[in-house]
Amino acid sequence: MLTRTLLASKEARLLLGGAMIGALFVWTVAVYLGIANSSLPVLHSLDWPFFLTLCIVVPVLEELVFRGLIQGYLRQFDPGQKAILGISAANLLTSLLFVLLHWLTRDGYSALLVFLPSLYLGLVRDRTSSIAMCILIHGLWNLGWYIFVFMP
């Protein structure tokens, strides 16, 4: 089973747990600051196309491209995985490119919001070599944004 394989190592479980604790903190602050909706969704009121795009399609495509193709390619040039504070050069360059893409397609605020999560997903990729774990975390983060920010 995919979930059992993804969470086989203690490090993978800790990385997933850390991602969820961080997300809960961000979502709570967003609700407190009034930039998020504090009501929980009702299934029949979901905007299913937007929900599926945000929580499944976007995480799969972004992680395959950024953590899979781009970071995977850049890792070839740093076989020793030299890192500063656990952040590899491949991760940093991939995250900067991710921010640039968000800057070009959205706005500066959105771009800055994705920088730290992108670094974290790159760290997960470097530590576990798992794109599937990155997709899972990204999807769960987007689920939280959907519930707390985009729900009507």
C-alpha atoms as a PDB file:
ATOM      1  CA  MET A   1       0.000   0.000   0.000  1.00  0.00           C
ATOM      2  CA  LEU A   2       1.318   3.446  -0.968  1.00  0.00           C
ATOM      3  CA  THR A   3       0.654   5.109   2.406  1.00  0.00           C
ATOM      4  CA  ARG A   4       2.396   2.319   4.297  1.00  0.00           C
ATOM      5  CA  THR A   5       5.415   2.616   1.993  1.00  0.00           C
ATOM      6  CA  LEU A   6       5.484   6.424   2.271  1.00  0.00           C
ATOM      7  CA  LEU A   7       5.397   6.345   6.052  1.00  0.00           C
ATOM      8  CA  ALA A   8       7.722   3.369   6.476  1.00  0.00           C
ATOM      9  CA  SER A   9      10.587   5.363   7.944  1.00  0.00           C
ATOM     10  CA  LYS A  10      10.502   7.271  11.189  1.00  0.00           C
ATOM     11  CA  GLU A  11      12.013  10.301   9.444  1.00  0.00           C
ATOM     12  CA  ALA A  12       9.175  10.345   6.890  1.00  0.00           C
ATOM     13  CA  ARG A  13       6.579  10.241   9.673  1.00  0.00           C
ATOM     14  CA  LEU A  14       8.356  13.064  11.513  1.00  0.00           C
ATOM     15  CA  LEU A  15       8.556  15.177   8.345  1.00  0.00           C
ATOM     16  CA  LEU A  16       4.841  14.669   7.677  1.00  0.00           C
ATOM     17  CA  GLY A  17       4.008  15.455  11.307  1.00  0.00           C
ATOM     18  CA  GLY A  18       6.129  18.601  11.214  1.00  0.00           C
ATOM     19  CA  ALA A  19       4.421  19.700   8.014  1.00  0.00           C
ATOM     20  CA  MET A  20       0.987  19.275   9.571  1.00  0.00           C
ATOM     21  CA  ILE A  21       1.913  21.080  12.797  1.00  0.00           C
ATOM     22  CA  GLY A  22       3.282  23.983  10.766  1.00  0.00           C
ATOM     23  CA  ALA A  23       0.161  24.033   8.595  1.00  0.00           C
ATOM     24  CA  LEU A  24      -2.148  24.070  11.621  1.00  0.00           C
ATOM     25  CA  PHE A  25      -0.232  27.037  12.987  1.00  0.00           C
ATOM     26  CA  VAL A  26      -0.491  28.945   9.683  1.00  0.00           C
ATOM     27  CA  TRP A  27      -4.196  28.139   9.266  1.00  0.00           C
ATOM     28  CA  THR A  28      -4.917  29.211  12.866  1.00  0.00           C
ATOM     29  CA  VAL A  29      -3.107  32.519  12.359  1.00  0.00           C
ATOM     30  CA  ALA A  30      -4.980  33.036   9.068  1.00  0.00           C
ATOM     31  CA  VAL A  31      -8.327  32.517  10.842  1.00  0.00           C
ATOM     32  CA  TYR A  32      -7.263  34.774  13.737  1.00  0.00           C
ATOM     33  CA  LEU A  33      -6.191  37.564  11.356  1.00  0.00           C
ATOM     34  CA  GLY A  34      -9.486  37.296   9.509  1.00  0.00           C
ATOM     35  CA  ILE A  35      -8.009  36.302   6.170  1.00  0.00           C
ATOM     36  CA  ALA A  36      -9.529  32.850   6.419  1.00  0.00           C
ATOM     37  CA  ASN A  37     -13.006  31.488   6.875  1.00  0.00           C
ATOM     38  CA  SER A  38     -13.416  29.772  10.240  1.00  0.00           C
ATOM     39  CA  SER A  39     -16.424  27.645   9.276  1.00  0.00           C
ATOM     40  CA  LEU A  40     -15.829  24.042   8.278  1.00  0.00           C
ATOM     41  CA  PRO A  41     -17.060  22.887   4.860  1.00  0.00           C
ATOM     42  CA  VAL A  42     -20.217  20.961   4.135  1.00  0.00           C
ATOM     43  CA  LEU A  43     -19.598  18.342   1.448  1.00  0.00           C
ATOM     44  CA  HIS A  44     -22.566  19.296  -0.724  1.00  0.00           C
ATOM     45  CA  SER A  45     -21.401  22.938  -0.852  1.00  0.00           C
ATOM     46  CA  LEU A  46     -17.938  22.105  -2.177  1.00  0.00           C
ATOM     47  CA  ASP A  47     -16.843  23.586  -5.475  1.00  0.00           C
ATOM     48  CA  TRP A  48     -15.691  20.157  -6.657  1.00  0.00           C
ATOM     49  CA  PRO A  49     -13.716  21.223  -9.771  1.00  0.00           C
ATOM     50  CA  PHE A  50     -11.784  23.856  -7.802  1.00  0.00           C
ATOM     51  CA  PHE A  51     -11.345  21.497  -4.843  1.00  0.00           C
ATOM     52  CA  LEU A  52      -9.961  18.675  -7.015  1.00  0.00           C
ATOM     53  CA  THR A  53      -7.691  21.067  -8.893  1.00  0.00           C
ATOM     54  CA  LEU A  54      -6.301  22.717  -5.764  1.00  0.00           C
ATOM     55  CA  CYS A  55      -5.958  19.584  -3.625  1.00  0.00           C
ATOM     56  CA  ILE A  56      -4.988  16.929  -6.171  1.00  0.00           C
ATOM     57  CA  VAL A  57      -4.060  18.220  -9.644  1.00  0.00           C
ATOM     58  CA  VAL A  58      -1.890  21.169  -8.547  1.00  0.00           C
ATOM     59  CA  PRO A  59       0.119  19.235  -5.920  1.00  0.00           C
ATOM     60  CA  VAL A  60       0.747  16.350  -8.315  1.00  0.00           C
ATOM     61  CA  LEU A  61       1.823  18.544 -11.228  1.00  0.00           C
ATOM     62  CA  GLU A  62       3.867  21.049  -9.203  1.00  0.00           C
ATOM     63  CA  GLU A  63       5.718  18.373  -7.254  1.00  0.00           C
ATOM     64  CA  LEU A  64       6.423  16.243 -10.314  1.00  0.00           C
ATOM     65  CA  VAL A  65       7.825  19.277 -12.138  1.00  0.00           C
ATOM     66  CA  PHE A  66       9.599  21.131  -9.330  1.00  0.00           C
ATOM     67  CA  ARG A  67      10.692  18.431  -6.877  1.00  0.00           C
ATOM     68  CA  GLY A  68      10.850  15.648  -9.460  1.00  0.00           C
ATOM     69  CA  LEU A  69      12.245  17.101 -12.666  1.00  0.00           C
ATOM     70  CA  ILE A  70      13.926  20.372 -11.656  1.00  0.00           C
ATOM     71  CA  GLN A  71      15.268  19.505  -8.200  1.00  0.00           C
ATOM     72  CA  GLY A  72      16.103  15.996  -9.379  1.00  0.00           C
ATOM     73  CA  TYR A  73      18.082  17.432 -12.284  1.00  0.00           C
ATOM     74  CA  LEU A  74      19.894  19.988 -10.107  1.00  0.00           C
ATOM     75  CA  ARG A  75      20.798  17.294  -7.545  1.00  0.00           C
ATOM     76  CA  GLN A  76      23.004  15.677 -10.184  1.00  0.00           C
ATOM     77  CA  PHE A  77      25.397  18.624  -9.929  1.00  0.00           C
ATOM     78  CA  ASP A  78      25.718  18.325  -6.154  1.00  0.00           C
ATOM     79  CA  PRO A  79      26.187  14.605  -5.514  1.00  0.00           C
ATOM     80  CA  GLY A  80      27.407  15.205  -1.973  1.00  0.00           C
ATOM     81  CA  GLN A  81      24.225  17.111  -1.151  1.00  0.00           C
ATOM     82  CA  LYS A  82      26.121  19.939   0.527  1.00  0.00           C
ATOM     83  CA  ALA A  83      23.630  21.963   2.489  1.00  0.00           C
ATOM     84  CA  ILE A  84      23.376  25.050   4.653  1.00  0.00           C
ATOM     85  CA  LEU A  85      20.902  24.567   7.513  1.00  0.00           C
ATOM     86  CA  GLY A  86      19.721  21.404   5.763  1.00  0.00           C
ATOM     87  CA  ILE A  87      18.855  23.267   2.547  1.00  0.00           C
ATOM     88  CA  SER A  88      20.677  21.953  -0.518  1.00  0.00           C
ATOM     89  CA  ALA A  89      21.633  24.197  -3.429  1.00  0.00           C
ATOM     90  CA  ALA A  90      19.236  22.202  -5.632  1.00  0.00           C
ATOM     91  CA  ASN A  91      16.422  22.857  -3.159  1.00  0.00           C
ATOM     92  CA  LEU A  92      17.198  26.578  -2.898  1.00  0.00           C
ATOM     93  CA  LEU A  93      17.360  27.063  -6.677  1.00  0.00           C
ATOM     94  CA  THR A  94      14.167  25.061  -7.195  1.00  0.00           C
ATOM     95  CA  SER A  95      12.380  27.082  -4.515  1.00  0.00           C
ATOM     96  CA  LEU A  96      13.512  30.376  -6.034  1.00  0.00           C
ATOM     97  CA  LEU A  97      12.204  29.225  -9.409  1.00  0.00           C
ATOM     98  CA  PHE A  98       8.929  28.181  -7.739  1.00  0.00           C
ATOM     99  CA  VAL A  99       8.628  31.654  -6.187  1.00  0.00           C
ATOM    100  CA  LEU A 100       9.384  33.312  -9.527  1.00  0.00           C
ATOM    101  CA  LEU A 101       6.653  31.285 -11.231  1.00  0.00           C
ATOM    102  CA  HIS A 102       4.135  32.316  -8.559  1.00  0.00           C
ATOM    103  CA  TRP A 103       5.285  35.927  -8.871  1.00  0.00           C
ATOM    104  CA  LEU A 104       4.720  35.880 -12.632  1.00  0.00           C
ATOM    105  CA  THR A 105       1.352  34.104 -12.496  1.00  0.00           C
ATOM    106  CA  ARG A 106      -0.106  35.678  -9.339  1.00  0.00           C
ATOM    107  CA  ASP A 107       1.425  38.452  -7.258  1.00  0.00           C
ATOM    108  CA  GLY A 108       4.381  39.191  -5.003  1.00  0.00           C
ATOM    109  CA  TYR A 109       2.482  38.345  -1.815  1.00  0.00           C
ATOM    110  CA  SER A 110       1.525  34.883  -3.105  1.00  0.00           C
ATOM    111  CA  ALA A 111       5.080  34.342  -4.255  1.00  0.00           C
ATOM    112  CA  LEU A 112       6.511  35.100  -0.821  1.00  0.00           C
ATOM    113  CA  LEU A 113       3.941  32.845   0.853  1.00  0.00           C
ATOM    114  CA  VAL A 114       5.177  29.806  -1.081  1.00  0.00           C
ATOM    115  CA  PHE A 115       8.897  30.243  -0.382  1.00  0.00           C
ATOM    116  CA  LEU A 116       9.164  28.514   3.025  1.00  0.00           C
ATOM    117  CA  PRO A 117       6.743  25.698   2.123  1.00  0.00           C
ATOM    118  CA  SER A 118       8.750  25.137  -1.057  1.00  0.00           C
ATOM    119  CA  LEU A 119      11.985  24.890   0.936  1.00  0.00           C
ATOM    120  CA  TYR A 120      10.302  22.401   3.282  1.00  0.00           C
ATOM    121  CA  LEU A 121       9.050  20.253   0.400  1.00  0.00           C
ATOM    122  CA  GLY A 122      12.550  20.344  -1.087  1.00  0.00           C
ATOM    123  CA  LEU A 123      13.940  19.213   2.260  1.00  0.00           C
ATOM    124  CA  VAL A 124      11.453  16.341   2.294  1.00  0.00           C
ATOM    125  CA  ARG A 125      12.574  15.422  -1.236  1.00  0.00           C
ATOM    126  CA  ASP A 126      16.244  15.544  -0.249  1.00  0.00           C
ATOM    127  CA  ARG A 127      15.752  13.530   2.943  1.00  0.00           C
ATOM    128  CA  THR A 128      13.346  10.876   1.694  1.00  0.00           C
ATOM    129  CA  SER A 129      13.936  10.913  -2.098  1.00  0.00           C
ATOM    130  CA  SER A 130      10.153  10.654  -2.289  1.00  0.00           C
ATOM    131  CA  ILE A 131       8.125  12.819  -4.613  1.00  0.00           C
ATOM    132  CA  ALA A 132       5.001  11.002  -3.401  1.00  0.00           C
ATOM    133  CA  MET A 133       5.580  12.303   0.146  1.00  0.00           C
ATOM    134  CA  CYS A 134       5.904  15.837  -1.263  1.00  0.00           C
ATOM    135  CA  ILE A 135       2.634  15.391  -3.171  1.00  0.00           C
ATOM    136  CA  LEU A 136       0.882  14.141  -0.021  1.00  0.00           C
ATOM    137  CA  ILE A 137       2.088  17.068   2.114  1.00  0.00           C
ATOM    138  CA  HIS A 138       1.355  19.626  -0.620  1.00  0.00           C
ATOM    139  CA  GLY A 139      -2.155  18.193  -1.075  1.00  0.00           C
ATOM    140  CA  LEU A 140      -2.861  18.321   2.666  1.00  0.00           C
ATOM    141  CA  TRP A 141      -1.596  21.910   2.868  1.00  0.00           C
ATOM    142  CA  ASN A 142      -3.825  22.916  -0.035  1.00  0.00           C
ATOM    143  CA  LEU A 143      -6.760  21.138   1.603  1.00  0.00           C
ATOM    144  CA  GLY A 144      -6.277  23.385   4.627  1.00  0.00           C
ATOM    145  CA  TRP A 145      -6.152  26.485   2.428  1.00  0.00           C
ATOM    146  CA  TYR A 146      -9.305  25.333   0.691  1.00  0.00           C
ATOM    147  CA  ILE A 147     -11.144  24.820   3.984  1.00  0.00           C
ATOM    148  CA  PHE A 148      -9.957  27.973   5.735  1.00  0.00           C
ATOM    149  CA  VAL A 149      -9.510  30.447   2.889  1.00  0.00           C
ATOM    150  CA  PHE A 150     -11.473  29.458  -0.205  1.00  0.00           C
ATOM    151  CA  MET A 151     -14.633  27.891   1.242  1.00  0.00           C
ATOM    152  CA  PRO A 152     -17.729  30.049   0.642  1.00  0.00           C
END
